[in-house]
């Protein structure tokens, strides 16, 4: 099981719009499973809660494969 929390600063530049800067909190939770001794695979869900520069909420699912040396 994994859990993460942190402060996040995002900068986005789109060709036909002004630069967007946002500040917020990032929360993430998920699960991972080890296999083949040096690898793990899993899934996580991240939640962004932005409170400066355009308040809002974002949700981002992801899957991962990790190699452990």
C-alpha atoms as a PDB file:
ATOM      1  CA  UNK A   1       0.000   0.000   0.000  1.00  0.00           C
ATOM      2  CA  UNK A   2       1.257   3.494  -0.727  1.00  0.00           C
ATOM      3  CA  UNK A   3       0.235   6.941   0.404  1.00  0.00           C
ATOM      4  CA  UNK A   4       1.712  10.327  -0.427  1.00  0.00           C
ATOM      5  CA  UNK A   5       0.998  13.958   0.293  1.00  0.00           C
ATOM      6  CA  UNK A   6       2.824  17.093  -0.765  1.00  0.00           C
ATOM      7  CA  UNK A   7       2.780  20.685  -1.902  1.00  0.00           C
ATOM      8  CA  UNK A   8       2.524  21.113  -5.669  1.00  0.00           C
ATOM      9  CA  UNK A   9       3.319  24.012  -7.995  1.00  0.00           C
ATOM     10  CA  UNK A  10       2.119  23.657 -11.591  1.00  0.00           C
ATOM     11  CA  UNK A  11       3.209  25.777 -14.574  1.00  0.00           C
ATOM     12  CA  UNK A  12       1.354  25.341 -17.863  1.00  0.00           C
ATOM     13  CA  UNK A  13       2.008  27.172 -21.098  1.00  0.00           C
ATOM     14  CA  UNK A  14      -0.457  26.767 -23.942  1.00  0.00           C
ATOM     15  CA  UNK A  15       0.386  28.363 -27.288  1.00  0.00           C
ATOM     16  CA  UNK A  16      -2.706  30.592 -27.480  1.00  0.00           C
ATOM     17  CA  UNK A  17      -3.166  31.432 -23.761  1.00  0.00           C
ATOM     18  CA  UNK A  18      -1.362  33.065 -20.870  1.00  0.00           C
ATOM     19  CA  UNK A  19       0.966  31.146 -18.557  1.00  0.00           C
ATOM     20  CA  UNK A  20      -0.978  29.415 -15.761  1.00  0.00           C
ATOM     21  CA  UNK A  21       0.609  28.973 -12.334  1.00  0.00           C
ATOM     22  CA  UNK A  22      -1.225  27.081  -9.624  1.00  0.00           C
ATOM     23  CA  UNK A  23      -0.344  26.121  -6.058  1.00  0.00           C
ATOM     24  CA  UNK A  24      -2.053  23.318  -4.209  1.00  0.00           C
ATOM     25  CA  UNK A  25      -1.890  20.094  -2.260  1.00  0.00           C
ATOM     26  CA  UNK A  26      -1.323  16.669  -3.800  1.00  0.00           C
ATOM     27  CA  UNK A  27      -2.700  13.485  -2.231  1.00  0.00           C
ATOM     28  CA  UNK A  28      -2.068   9.999  -3.604  1.00  0.00           C
ATOM     29  CA  UNK A  29      -2.990   6.477  -2.573  1.00  0.00           C
ATOM     30  CA  UNK A  30      -2.632   3.096  -4.176  1.00  0.00           C
ATOM     31  CA  UNK A  31      -1.341  -0.448  -4.039  1.00  0.00           C
ATOM     32  CA  UNK A  32       1.709  -2.218  -5.424  1.00  0.00           C
ATOM     33  CA  UNK A  33       2.704  -5.875  -5.674  1.00  0.00           C
ATOM     34  CA  UNK A  34       6.215  -7.316  -5.909  1.00  0.00           C
ATOM     35  CA  UNK A  35       7.004 -10.017  -8.462  1.00  0.00           C
ATOM     36  CA  UNK A  36      10.134 -11.585  -9.998  1.00  0.00           C
ATOM     37  CA  UNK A  37      12.215 -10.428  -6.979  1.00  0.00           C
ATOM     38  CA  UNK A  38      13.241  -7.056  -8.493  1.00  0.00           C
ATOM     39  CA  UNK A  39      10.005  -5.713  -9.952  1.00  0.00           C
ATOM     40  CA  UNK A  40       6.756  -4.319  -8.603  1.00  0.00           C
ATOM     41  CA  UNK A  41       3.566  -3.325 -10.368  1.00  0.00           C
ATOM     42  CA  UNK A  42       0.621  -1.344  -9.098  1.00  0.00           C
ATOM     43  CA  UNK A  43      -1.992   1.350  -9.469  1.00  0.00           C
ATOM     44  CA  UNK A  44      -2.524   4.698  -7.752  1.00  0.00           C
ATOM     45  CA  UNK A  45      -5.026   7.535  -7.720  1.00  0.00           C
ATOM     46  CA  UNK A  46      -3.880  11.135  -7.258  1.00  0.00           C
ATOM     47  CA  UNK A  47      -6.005  14.056  -6.132  1.00  0.00           C
ATOM     48  CA  UNK A  48      -4.903  17.675  -6.702  1.00  0.00           C
ATOM     49  CA  UNK A  49      -6.579  20.400  -4.672  1.00  0.00           C
ATOM     50  CA  UNK A  50      -5.481  23.769  -6.046  1.00  0.00           C
ATOM     51  CA  UNK A  51      -6.084  26.882  -3.959  1.00  0.00           C
ATOM     52  CA  UNK A  52      -3.985  29.628  -5.625  1.00  0.00           C
ATOM     53  CA  UNK A  53      -3.986  30.628  -9.301  1.00  0.00           C
ATOM     54  CA  UNK A  54      -7.331  29.151 -10.240  1.00  0.00           C
ATOM     55  CA  UNK A  55      -8.889  27.045  -7.505  1.00  0.00           C
ATOM     56  CA  UNK A  56     -10.040  23.605  -8.499  1.00  0.00           C
ATOM     57  CA  UNK A  57      -9.742  19.868  -8.109  1.00  0.00           C
ATOM     58  CA  UNK A  58      -8.064  17.313 -10.362  1.00  0.00           C
ATOM     59  CA  UNK A  59      -8.068  13.522 -10.362  1.00  0.00           C
ATOM     60  CA  UNK A  60      -5.348  11.424 -12.019  1.00  0.00           C
ATOM     61  CA  UNK A  61      -5.230   7.608 -12.135  1.00  0.00           C
ATOM     62  CA  UNK A  62      -1.947   5.894 -12.982  1.00  0.00           C
ATOM     63  CA  UNK A  63      -0.350   2.465 -13.215  1.00  0.00           C
ATOM     64  CA  UNK A  64       3.314   1.786 -12.608  1.00  0.00           C
ATOM     65  CA  UNK A  65       6.050  -0.784 -13.114  1.00  0.00           C
ATOM     66  CA  UNK A  66       9.135  -0.347 -10.916  1.00  0.00           C
ATOM     67  CA  UNK A  67      12.548  -2.020 -11.078  1.00  0.00           C
ATOM     68  CA  UNK A  68      14.490  -2.360  -7.815  1.00  0.00           C
ATOM     69  CA  UNK A  69      18.280  -2.628  -8.239  1.00  0.00           C
END
